[in-house]
Protein backbone atom coordinates (compact mmCIF):
# COMPACT_ATOMS: atom_id res chain seq x y z
CA MET A 1 -33.31 -7.71 -4.11
CA VAL A 2 -34.14 -6.75 -7.45
CA ASP A 3 -35.71 -9.56 -9.82
CA ARG A 4 -35.33 -9.31 -13.56
CA GLY A 5 -39.08 -8.68 -13.88
CA MET A 6 -38.62 -5.40 -11.90
CA LEU A 7 -35.66 -4.52 -14.22
CA ARG A 8 -37.66 -5.16 -17.36
CA ASP A 9 -41.23 -3.92 -16.55
CA VAL A 10 -40.86 -1.15 -14.00
CA PRO A 11 -39.01 2.15 -14.73
CA PHE A 12 -36.69 2.98 -11.96
CA GLU A 13 -33.91 5.29 -10.96
CA LEU A 14 -30.70 3.71 -9.50
CA VAL A 15 -28.74 5.79 -7.09
CA LEU A 16 -25.44 4.47 -5.59
CA LEU A 17 -24.05 5.75 -2.49
CA PRO A 18 -20.28 5.05 -2.73
CA GLY A 19 -18.29 5.22 0.45
CA GLU A 20 -21.34 5.19 2.69
CA ASN A 21 -20.50 4.16 6.15
CA ASP A 22 -22.60 4.81 9.29
CA VAL A 23 -25.08 6.75 7.23
CA ARG A 24 -22.38 9.51 6.29
CA LEU A 25 -21.68 9.82 2.61
CA THR A 26 -18.18 10.22 1.97
CA LEU A 27 -18.67 10.76 -1.75
CA GLU A 28 -21.19 12.24 -4.02
CA LEU A 29 -24.30 10.25 -5.17
CA VAL A 30 -23.78 8.40 -8.33
CA GLU A 31 -26.83 7.73 -10.68
CA GLY A 32 -26.63 4.42 -12.38
CA ALA A 33 -26.40 4.75 -16.18
CA GLU A 34 -27.29 1.23 -17.18
CA VAL A 35 -28.10 -2.11 -15.64
CA LEU A 36 -26.99 -5.10 -17.68
CA VAL A 37 -27.96 -8.71 -17.33
CA PRO A 38 -26.76 -11.81 -19.18
CA ASP A 39 -28.10 -12.02 -22.73
CA ARG A 40 -29.86 -15.31 -21.93
CA LEU A 41 -32.11 -13.56 -19.41
CA GLY A 42 -32.55 -10.11 -21.14
CA ASN A 43 -35.81 -10.98 -22.92
CA ALA A 44 -36.37 -14.36 -21.46
CA PRO A 45 -39.91 -15.23 -20.12
CA MET A 46 -40.32 -14.69 -16.32
CA ASN A 47 -40.42 -18.47 -15.75
CA THR A 48 -36.94 -19.02 -17.29
CA GLU A 49 -34.76 -20.83 -14.64
CA VAL A 50 -31.89 -18.65 -13.31
CA ILE A 51 -28.81 -20.76 -13.33
CA PRO A 52 -25.79 -19.73 -11.19
CA ALA A 53 -23.75 -18.65 -14.20
CA ASP A 54 -26.68 -15.99 -14.93
CA ASP A 55 -27.24 -14.88 -11.43
CA LEU A 56 -25.47 -11.55 -11.69
CA LEU A 57 -25.82 -8.24 -13.14
CA ASP A 58 -23.64 -5.17 -14.04
CA ILE A 59 -24.24 -1.54 -13.27
CA ASN A 60 -22.49 0.44 -15.89
CA LEU A 61 -21.60 3.89 -14.66
CA GLY A 62 -20.33 5.05 -18.10
CA ASN A 63 -16.91 6.49 -17.29
CA PRO A 64 -16.52 6.42 -13.53
CA THR A 65 -12.83 7.35 -13.66
CA GLN A 66 -13.05 9.90 -10.78
CA LEU A 67 -15.01 7.59 -8.63
CA GLY A 68 -12.54 4.74 -9.14
CA ASN A 69 -9.79 6.99 -8.57
CA THR A 70 -11.27 7.96 -5.15
CA THR A 71 -12.70 4.51 -4.06
CA GLY A 72 -10.20 2.10 -5.81
CA TRP A 73 -10.78 -0.71 -8.21
CA PHE A 74 -11.49 -4.44 -8.27
CA GLY A 75 -9.94 -6.57 -10.79
CA LEU A 76 -11.72 -9.63 -12.12
CA ALA A 77 -9.99 -13.02 -12.42
CA VAL A 78 -10.62 -16.57 -13.55
CA TYR A 79 -8.79 -18.82 -11.27
CA SER A 80 -8.48 -22.66 -11.30
CA ASP A 81 -10.31 -24.84 -8.83
CA ALA A 82 -6.86 -25.46 -6.98
CA GLU A 83 -6.19 -21.66 -6.87
CA ILE A 84 -9.57 -20.96 -5.31
CA ARG A 85 -9.77 -24.07 -3.02
CA GLY A 86 -8.10 -23.10 0.29
CA ALA A 87 -7.50 -19.65 -0.71
CA GLY A 88 -8.56 -16.62 1.43
CA GLY A 89 -11.90 -15.16 0.44
CA ASN A 90 -12.99 -11.61 1.50
CA ILE A 91 -16.36 -9.94 1.33
CA SER A 92 -17.29 -6.46 2.15
CA GLY A 93 -20.82 -5.04 2.15
CA TYR A 94 -23.92 -3.82 3.89
CA PRO A 95 -25.65 -6.61 5.79
CA GLY A 96 -29.35 -6.07 6.56
CA ASP A 97 -28.81 -7.25 10.27
CA LYS A 98 -26.53 -4.34 10.99
CA PRO A 99 -27.24 -0.59 11.43
CA SER A 100 -28.35 0.84 8.18
CA GLY A 101 -25.58 2.14 5.98
CA THR A 102 -22.71 0.51 7.77
CA GLN A 103 -20.20 -1.39 5.80
CA TRP A 104 -18.98 -4.66 7.31
CA TYR A 105 -16.11 -7.11 6.35
CA ASP A 106 -15.34 -10.65 6.90
CA ALA A 107 -12.75 -13.10 5.42
CA ARG A 108 -12.10 -16.74 5.67
CA LYS A 109 -10.63 -19.85 3.65
CA ILE A 110 -12.80 -20.97 0.75
CA ASP A 111 -14.54 -24.30 1.65
CA SER A 112 -15.11 -25.82 -1.79
CA VAL A 113 -15.84 -25.00 -5.60
CA ASN A 114 -17.64 -26.55 -8.40
CA SER A 115 -17.72 -25.35 -12.02
CA ARG A 116 -20.19 -22.46 -11.50
CA LYS A 117 -20.23 -21.80 -7.67
CA VAL A 118 -17.86 -21.09 -4.88
CA PHE A 119 -18.77 -22.09 -1.25
CA TYR A 120 -17.38 -20.50 1.94
CA ASP A 121 -18.33 -19.90 5.59
CA ILE A 122 -17.68 -16.01 5.22
CA ASP A 123 -20.23 -14.37 7.45
CA THR A 124 -22.93 -12.62 5.35
CA ALA A 125 -26.41 -11.56 5.71
CA GLY A 126 -29.42 -10.48 3.56
CA GLY A 127 -28.38 -7.25 1.68
CA GLN A 128 -24.92 -8.46 0.77
CA SER A 129 -25.89 -10.20 -2.40
CA GLY A 130 -23.88 -8.85 -5.25
CA SER A 131 -20.77 -8.20 -3.22
CA ALA A 132 -17.50 -9.34 -4.77
CA VAL A 133 -15.90 -12.47 -3.20
CA TYR A 134 -12.20 -11.49 -3.69
CA ARG A 135 -8.71 -12.29 -3.05
CA ILE A 136 -5.86 -9.86 -2.34
CA VAL A 137 -2.77 -10.60 -4.51
CA ASN A 138 0.18 -8.20 -4.28
CA GLY A 139 -2.00 -5.64 -2.57
CA ASN A 140 -4.61 -5.60 -5.32
CA ARG A 141 -8.21 -7.04 -4.98
CA TYR A 142 -9.46 -9.55 -7.65
CA ALA A 143 -13.04 -10.73 -7.54
CA PHE A 144 -13.48 -14.37 -8.35
CA ALA A 145 -17.19 -14.87 -7.45
CA VAL A 146 -20.11 -12.68 -6.84
CA HIS A 147 -21.91 -13.41 -3.50
CA ALA A 148 -25.49 -14.72 -4.05
CA TYR A 149 -26.75 -17.41 -1.65
CA GLY A 150 -26.98 -17.87 2.11
CA GLY A 151 -27.11 -21.32 3.51
CA ALA A 152 -27.44 -23.24 6.75
CA SER A 153 -23.70 -24.34 6.77
CA THR A 154 -22.00 -22.38 3.93
CA ASN A 155 -22.80 -19.47 1.73
CA SER A 156 -22.07 -19.35 -1.93
CA GLY A 157 -21.62 -17.09 -4.94
CA THR A 158 -21.58 -17.21 -8.67
CA ARG A 159 -18.08 -18.12 -9.92
CA ILE A 160 -16.49 -15.87 -12.41
CA VAL A 161 -15.49 -18.49 -15.02
CA THR A 162 -14.43 -17.59 -18.64
CA PRO A 163 -17.99 -16.83 -20.02
CA VAL A 164 -18.96 -14.78 -16.94
CA PHE A 165 -15.48 -12.81 -17.27
CA ASN A 166 -16.23 -12.22 -20.93
CA ASN A 167 -19.79 -10.89 -20.07
CA PHE A 168 -18.18 -8.32 -17.73
CA VAL A 169 -15.69 -7.38 -20.20
CA ALA A 170 -18.30 -6.86 -22.99
CA TRP A 171 -20.51 -4.92 -20.53
CA LYS A 172 -17.56 -2.59 -19.91
CA ALA A 173 -17.15 -1.65 -23.53
């Protein structure tokens, strides 16, 4: 996990391993061009409370057209409570309790939703934070939350609401 102090105070190189599965890289390494956080946290003191709406970041790869054409794309969507409640949720990622570099997937119904978070009992483990929580609509994948929290009975993610969606759109520009 990377905290914002690390992002602000320590120089680092971010390298992505797209298509990694079972420690075999199926695509070339991608160096992250820019890490973006919500404006409220960018220059905030370290003791600033992180609220669910801010608990995300974006890795802007510049123009990853070739990568996206190879791996595919995720859409982003703002859904109503009713559209999310009871919908199928999907998560794919690299859980820390599985062999290194192996990608795992799980899907279940969404348990509940509030104004800033989505709750589900989709199986996750440490290392999957930041994964998209998505629905499949007409064969396309649309993220409606970003997985962020594990819990005793349910896991949860930061809901993509209009301000969060607008952040992602602004970061893409």
